[in-house]
Amino acid sequence: MCRLKKVCLCLLFPLLIIGCFKPNRPLSEWMSDNKKIKVLSTTAQIGDLVAGVGGDRVDGWVLIQGDLDPHSYEIVKGDGEKLARADLIFYNGLGLEHGASLSAILRDSSKATAVGEKIAMAYPDLILKRGEVVDPHIWMDISLWEKGIEPIVKELSARDAEGAAYYEERGQALALQMQAAHDEVHGRLQEIPSEKRYLITSHDAFHYFARSYLADPGEVDWMNRFAAPEGLSPEGQLNPRDIQKIIDFLRVKKISILFPESNVSRDSIQKIATAGKELGLEVRVCSEPLYGDAMSGLTYLEMMRHNANTIAKYL
């Protein structure tokens, strides 16, 4: 890409940020006919990519809003109408939306595209597994989530051929913006001394984050940078073995701060902090949550910067 085109694309950055999904608008506005492509995204992370690429030609809505858990989300009254109204549906896939009613509809819909699975097909070596289970939290690495732009551009262009050049240009601008944000987050966290760059959160949503931002360059054993008491889906019951595993991690890595997540109960983190104190460890729960599965009204890049700044502040 020539220097002039890079400069022109950079001028689009504020438009991309302003164009992100706004959850406070009335649903009736999205349901009405305004001659735009109606796109339904399962999560806000996907909704932001769609808004960044689609701009004024697309009207987007997010199905799983606020602090709701996308892992266990089931279809509720009114969701059927949203799914039927949408011209295109984008979802994460990779096992994230595994609520039975939602998963069945997404798999059977000809309008639905699994962004995460498109990324996994194109870049299989970048996808993580916990045992035999795929880790779906790919948005926790900005450089990996940026690869979801291409399938969105492709699907929007197929639906709206007249807008293909528009989507391509905005997709390129958004990719540059995300690459810059990735470098910013990486630089911020690499300022933390390596011996302090260890993280404990509520559930296993931060492995991609740890690989990309907490590990030393070329580090092979980067998995030891992160631990969580609950698994990839924060639905199971915490048992004494889970607590002991985290206590051992705390002791070995000399960790003194535990990070709760915005949409996950703090019970497990609090139990670990209490158990640690009873064993003489100096450990506390951070007063500021991190954002993993939910963005709580933030844009995607705001969420990632918040996570980076909060971790850097307390570590």
Protein backbone atom coordinates (compact mmCIF):
# COMPACT_ATOMS: atom_id res chain seq x y z
CA MET A 1 0.00 0.00 0.00
CA CYS A 2 1.44 3.36 -0.98
CA ARG A 3 2.15 6.07 1.61
CA LEU A 4 -0.60 8.36 0.25
CA LYS A 5 -3.25 5.66 0.52
CA LYS A 6 -2.17 4.89 4.10
CA VAL A 7 -2.59 8.56 5.00
CA CYS A 8 -6.04 8.67 3.38
CA LEU A 9 -7.15 5.54 5.21
CA CYS A 10 -5.88 6.91 8.51
CA LEU A 11 -8.20 9.90 8.06
CA LEU A 12 -11.11 7.45 8.27
CA PHE A 13 -10.18 6.31 11.79
CA PRO A 14 -12.41 8.78 13.67
CA LEU A 15 -15.34 7.79 11.43
CA LEU A 16 -14.79 4.14 12.24
CA ILE A 17 -14.82 4.82 15.96
CA ILE A 18 -17.91 7.02 15.77
CA GLY A 19 -19.61 4.42 13.59
CA CYS A 20 -19.46 1.66 16.21
CA PHE A 21 -22.64 -0.03 17.40
CA LYS A 22 -24.73 2.15 19.75
CA PRO A 23 -26.76 -0.03 22.16
CA ASN A 24 -29.04 2.76 23.42
CA ARG A 25 -31.04 3.27 20.23
CA PRO A 26 -34.56 1.77 20.13
CA LEU A 27 -34.95 -1.67 18.60
CA SER A 28 -37.92 -0.39 16.58
CA GLU A 29 -35.52 1.84 14.65
CA TRP A 30 -33.45 -1.15 13.60
CA MET A 31 -36.52 -3.22 12.76
CA SER A 32 -37.91 -0.51 10.48
CA ASP A 33 -37.10 -0.29 6.77
CA ASN A 34 -34.43 2.34 6.08
CA LYS A 35 -32.96 0.84 2.88
CA LYS A 36 -29.79 -0.28 4.68
CA ILE A 37 -28.51 -3.82 5.08
CA LYS A 38 -29.82 -5.18 8.37
CA VAL A 39 -27.03 -7.03 10.17
CA LEU A 40 -27.44 -8.93 13.43
CA SER A 41 -24.25 -9.74 15.37
CA THR A 42 -24.32 -12.07 18.34
CA THR A 43 -21.73 -10.12 20.37
CA ALA A 44 -20.67 -6.49 20.66
CA GLN A 45 -17.13 -7.40 19.62
CA ILE A 46 -18.47 -8.58 16.27
CA GLY A 47 -20.91 -5.67 16.11
CA ASP A 48 -18.01 -3.22 16.26
CA LEU A 49 -16.24 -4.91 13.35
CA VAL A 50 -19.46 -4.82 11.32
CA ALA A 51 -20.01 -1.14 12.12
CA GLY A 52 -16.43 -0.29 11.23
CA VAL A 53 -16.66 -2.02 7.85
CA GLY A 54 -20.30 -1.29 7.02
CA GLY A 55 -20.47 2.40 7.87
CA ASP A 56 -23.53 4.22 6.55
CA ARG A 57 -24.60 1.37 4.27
CA VAL A 58 -25.26 -1.04 7.13
CA ASP A 59 -27.68 -0.96 10.06
CA GLY A 60 -26.39 -3.22 12.84
CA TRP A 61 -27.87 -4.70 15.98
CA VAL A 62 -26.26 -6.85 18.70
CA LEU A 63 -28.20 -9.82 20.04
CA ILE A 64 -26.29 -10.46 23.31
CA GLN A 65 -26.01 -7.06 24.94
CA GLY A 66 -24.69 -5.64 28.22
CA ASP A 67 -23.07 -8.12 30.60
CA LEU A 68 -24.96 -11.19 29.40
CA ASP A 69 -22.86 -14.33 29.02
CA PRO A 70 -22.54 -15.35 25.35
CA HIS A 71 -21.50 -18.90 26.32
CA SER A 72 -24.87 -19.83 27.78
CA TYR A 73 -27.21 -17.38 26.04
CA GLU A 74 -30.53 -18.90 25.01
CA ILE A 75 -33.14 -17.45 22.68
CA VAL A 76 -35.67 -15.23 24.51
CA LYS A 77 -38.94 -13.63 23.44
CA GLY A 78 -38.36 -11.22 20.59
CA ASP A 79 -35.10 -12.79 19.38
CA GLY A 80 -36.89 -14.75 16.69
CA GLU A 81 -38.10 -11.51 15.11
CA LYS A 82 -34.56 -10.07 15.15
CA LEU A 83 -33.11 -13.17 13.53
CA ALA A 84 -35.83 -13.16 10.88
CA ARG A 85 -35.43 -9.43 10.19
CA ALA A 86 -31.68 -9.63 9.60
CA ASP A 87 -30.35 -9.77 6.07
CA LEU A 88 -27.03 -11.09 7.42
CA ILE A 89 -26.05 -12.63 10.76
CA PHE A 90 -22.49 -12.72 12.09
CA TYR A 91 -21.51 -14.86 15.06
CA ASN A 92 -18.25 -15.95 16.68
CA GLY A 93 -18.58 -19.73 16.48
CA LEU A 94 -15.77 -21.95 17.77
CA GLY A 95 -18.19 -23.08 20.47
CA LEU A 96 -18.78 -19.65 22.02
CA GLU A 97 -22.53 -19.45 21.45
CA HIS A 98 -23.30 -22.94 22.71
CA GLY A 99 -26.74 -22.29 24.20
CA ALA A 100 -28.80 -25.03 22.53
CA SER A 101 -31.58 -22.86 21.10
CA LEU A 102 -29.26 -20.17 19.69
CA SER A 103 -26.63 -22.58 18.43
CA ALA A 104 -29.21 -24.59 16.46
CA ILE A 105 -30.58 -21.51 14.72
CA LEU A 106 -27.14 -20.16 13.82
CA ARG A 107 -25.95 -23.47 12.40
CA ASP A 108 -29.08 -23.91 10.29
CA SER A 109 -29.32 -20.33 8.94
CA SER A 110 -28.10 -19.62 5.41
CA LYS A 111 -27.75 -15.97 6.43
CA ALA A 112 -25.28 -16.68 9.26
CA THR A 113 -21.48 -16.50 9.08
CA ALA A 114 -19.19 -17.68 11.88
CA VAL A 115 -16.42 -15.08 11.88
CA GLY A 116 -14.24 -17.04 14.30
CA GLU A 117 -14.48 -20.19 12.24
CA LYS A 118 -13.51 -18.30 9.09
CA ILE A 119 -10.42 -17.07 10.94
CA ALA A 120 -9.67 -20.58 12.19
CA MET A 121 -9.90 -22.00 8.67
CA ALA A 122 -7.49 -19.39 7.30
CA TYR A 123 -5.08 -19.39 10.27
CA PRO A 124 -5.41 -22.76 12.03
CA ASP A 125 -2.01 -22.49 13.73
CA LEU A 126 -3.14 -19.38 15.63
CA ILE A 127 -6.15 -21.05 17.27
CA LEU A 128 -5.72 -22.31 20.85
CA LYS A 129 -7.21 -25.40 22.49
CA ARG A 130 -7.69 -26.47 26.09
CA GLY A 131 -7.40 -30.22 25.75
CA GLU A 132 -9.73 -31.05 22.87
CA VAL A 133 -11.86 -27.92 23.31
CA VAL A 134 -11.24 -24.91 21.07
CA ASP A 135 -10.72 -21.63 22.92
CA PRO A 136 -13.24 -19.23 21.30
CA HIS A 137 -11.91 -15.99 22.87
CA ILE A 138 -10.00 -14.91 19.76
CA TRP A 139 -10.96 -11.23 20.13
CA MET A 140 -8.60 -10.99 23.11
CA ASP A 141 -5.72 -10.64 20.62
CA ILE A 142 -6.36 -7.55 18.49
CA SER A 143 -4.03 -8.74 15.72
CA LEU A 144 -6.02 -11.99 15.47
CA TRP A 145 -9.45 -10.35 15.68
CA GLU A 146 -8.42 -7.99 12.89
CA LYS A 147 -8.44 -11.03 10.60
CA GLY A 148 -12.23 -11.14 11.03
CA ILE A 149 -12.53 -8.04 8.85
CA GLU A 150 -12.02 -10.00 5.63
CA PRO A 151 -15.01 -12.37 5.95
CA ILE A 152 -17.24 -9.44 6.93
CA VAL A 153 -16.13 -7.44 3.89
CA LYS A 154 -16.76 -10.49 1.72
CA GLU A 155 -20.29 -11.15 3.00
CA LEU A 156 -21.35 -7.49 2.87
CA SER A 157 -19.97 -7.15 -0.66
CA ALA A 158 -21.83 -10.27 -1.80
CA ARG A 159 -25.06 -8.82 -0.43
CA ASP A 160 -24.42 -5.29 -1.71
CA ALA A 161 -22.20 -5.37 -4.81
CA GLU A 162 -22.49 -1.60 -5.33
CA GLY A 163 -20.87 -1.05 -1.94
CA ALA A 164 -17.98 -3.48 -2.43
CA ALA A 165 -15.31 -0.81 -2.92
CA TYR A 166 -16.69 1.12 0.06
CA TYR A 167 -16.47 -1.94 2.33
CA GLU A 168 -12.99 -2.80 1.09
CA GLU A 169 -11.69 0.70 1.77
CA ARG A 170 -13.22 0.86 5.23
CA GLY A 171 -11.96 -2.63 5.99
CA GLN A 172 -8.41 -1.58 5.12
CA ALA A 173 -8.69 1.52 7.30
CA LEU A 174 -10.09 -0.48 10.20
CA ALA A 175 -7.27 -3.02 9.85
CA LEU A 176 -4.68 -0.24 10.12
CA GLN A 177 -6.43 1.17 13.18
CA MET A 178 -6.47 -2.22 14.86
CA GLN A 179 -2.83 -2.90 14.02
CA ALA A 180 -1.89 0.40 15.66
CA ALA A 181 -3.98 -0.45 18.74
CA HIS A 182 -2.37 -3.89 18.93
CA ASP A 183 1.10 -2.33 18.94
CA GLU A 184 -0.01 0.18 21.59
CA VAL A 185 -1.39 -2.52 23.91
CA HIS A 186 1.66 -4.71 23.39
CA GLY A 187 4.03 -1.85 24.16
CA ARG A 188 2.09 -0.85 27.28
CA LEU A 189 2.20 -4.35 28.77
CA GLN A 190 5.77 -5.07 27.80
CA GLU A 191 6.77 -2.13 30.01
CA ILE A 192 5.89 -4.35 32.98
CA PRO A 193 8.95 -6.31 34.19
CA SER A 194 8.85 -9.88 32.91
CA GLU A 195 8.86 -11.38 36.42
CA LYS A 196 5.63 -9.49 37.21
CA ARG A 197 3.83 -10.16 33.93
CA TYR A 198 1.50 -12.88 35.27
CA LEU A 199 -2.28 -12.75 35.31
CA ILE A 200 -5.16 -14.39 37.18
CA THR A 201 -8.76 -13.65 36.15
CA SER A 202 -12.15 -15.24 36.78
CA HIS A 203 -12.27 -17.62 33.79
CA ASP A 204 -10.14 -18.82 30.88
CA ALA A 205 -10.79 -15.86 28.57
CA PHE A 206 -7.25 -14.42 28.52
CA HIS A 207 -5.00 -17.08 26.93
CA TYR A 208 -4.87 -15.29 23.57
CA PHE A 209 -4.21 -12.08 25.48
CA ALA A 210 -1.37 -13.69 27.44
CA ARG A 211 0.25 -15.14 24.32
CA SER A 212 0.14 -11.85 22.46
CA TYR A 213 0.81 -9.28 25.18
CA LEU A 214 2.23 -10.83 28.35
CA ALA A 215 4.80 -13.27 26.95
CA ASP A 216 8.40 -12.33 26.31
CA PRO A 217 9.45 -12.28 22.65
CA GLY A 218 9.94 -15.87 21.48
CA GLU A 219 8.79 -17.32 24.81
CA VAL A 220 7.78 -20.97 24.38
CA ASP A 221 6.22 -21.57 27.79
CA TRP A 222 3.89 -18.57 27.60
CA MET A 223 0.87 -20.59 28.84
CA ASN A 224 2.25 -20.19 32.36
CA ARG A 225 1.63 -16.45 32.14
CA PHE A 226 -2.08 -16.87 32.86
CA ALA A 227 -4.36 -18.91 35.12
CA ALA A 228 -8.05 -18.89 36.03
CA PRO A 229 -10.18 -20.94 38.45
CA GLU A 230 -13.03 -21.41 35.96
CA GLY A 231 -12.80 -22.92 32.48
CA LEU A 232 -13.48 -21.57 29.00
CA SER A 233 -17.15 -21.18 29.88
CA PRO A 234 -17.84 -19.67 33.33
CA GLU A 235 -20.71 -22.04 34.12
CA GLY A 236 -19.16 -24.85 36.14
CA GLN A 237 -18.83 -25.29 39.88
CA LEU A 238 -15.54 -24.40 41.52
CA ASN A 239 -14.00 -27.29 43.44
CA PRO A 240 -11.16 -27.40 46.02
CA ARG A 241 -8.73 -28.68 43.41
CA ASP A 242 -9.34 -25.58 41.25
CA ILE A 243 -8.68 -23.33 44.24
CA GLN A 244 -5.50 -25.18 45.16
CA LYS A 245 -4.22 -24.91 41.60
CA ILE A 246 -4.56 -21.12 41.68
CA ILE A 247 -3.09 -20.88 45.19
CA ASP A 248 -0.01 -22.77 43.96
CA PHE A 249 0.21 -20.42 40.98
CA LEU A 250 -0.03 -17.41 43.28
CA ARG A 251 2.73 -18.70 45.50
CA VAL A 252 5.16 -19.71 42.74
CA LYS A 253 4.72 -16.56 40.65
CA LYS A 254 4.52 -14.23 43.69
CA ILE A 255 1.21 -12.74 42.53
CA SER A 256 -0.63 -10.41 44.88
CA ILE A 257 -3.59 -9.21 42.77
CA LEU A 258 -6.58 -11.10 41.31
CA PHE A 259 -8.64 -9.55 38.50
CA PRO A 260 -12.43 -10.06 38.39
CA GLU A 261 -14.29 -9.92 35.07
CA SER A 262 -17.23 -7.63 34.45
CA ASN A 263 -19.79 -10.33 33.61
CA VAL A 264 -18.55 -13.17 35.83
CA SER A 265 -19.42 -13.68 39.50
CA ARG A 266 -16.64 -12.62 41.87
CA ASP A 267 -17.31 -15.58 44.16
CA SER A 268 -14.50 -17.75 42.83
CA ILE A 269 -11.94 -14.94 42.89
CA GLN A 270 -12.99 -13.96 46.41
CA LYS A 271 -12.73 -17.58 47.62
CA ILE A 272 -9.18 -17.75 46.29
CA ALA A 273 -8.22 -14.45 47.91
CA THR A 274 -9.64 -15.63 51.25
CA ALA A 275 -7.89 -19.00 51.02
CA GLY A 276 -4.63 -17.30 50.10
CA LYS A 277 -4.79 -14.96 53.08
CA GLU A 278 -5.46 -17.90 55.39
CA LEU A 279 -2.22 -19.43 54.12
CA GLY A 280 -0.30 -16.22 54.79
CA LEU A 281 -0.21 -14.89 51.23
CA GLU A 282 -0.65 -11.19 50.56
CA VAL A 283 -3.37 -11.22 47.93
CA ARG A 284 -6.35 -9.01 47.12
CA VAL A 285 -9.09 -8.66 44.51
CA CYS A 286 -8.68 -5.72 42.14
CA SER A 287 -11.36 -3.04 42.49
CA GLU A 288 -11.50 -2.55 38.71
CA PRO A 289 -12.82 -5.41 36.56
CA LEU A 290 -11.42 -6.58 33.26
CA TYR A 291 -13.59 -7.13 30.21
CA GLY A 292 -13.51 -10.54 28.56
CA ASP A 293 -16.79 -11.89 27.18
CA ALA A 294 -18.72 -8.61 27.58
CA MET A 295 -17.79 -5.00 26.80
CA SER A 296 -20.33 -3.25 29.07
CA GLY A 297 -21.00 -0.42 26.64
CA LEU A 298 -17.38 0.17 25.63
CA THR A 299 -16.16 -0.08 22.07
CA TYR A 300 -13.91 -3.02 21.27
CA LEU A 301 -10.69 -1.00 21.25
CA GLU A 302 -11.73 0.87 24.40
CA MET A 303 -12.19 -2.51 26.06
CA MET A 304 -8.75 -3.73 25.04
CA ARG A 305 -7.05 -0.52 26.10
CA HIS A 306 -8.88 -0.62 29.43
CA ASN A 307 -7.66 -4.16 30.04
CA ALA A 308 -4.09 -3.24 29.18
CA ASN A 309 -4.07 -0.10 31.31
CA THR A 310 -5.72 -1.78 34.28
CA ILE A 311 -3.34 -4.73 34.25
CA ALA A 312 -0.34 -2.42 33.88
CA LYS A 313 -1.57 -0.21 36.70
CA TYR A 314 -2.02 -3.00 39.24
CA LEU A 315 0.83 -5.30 38.27
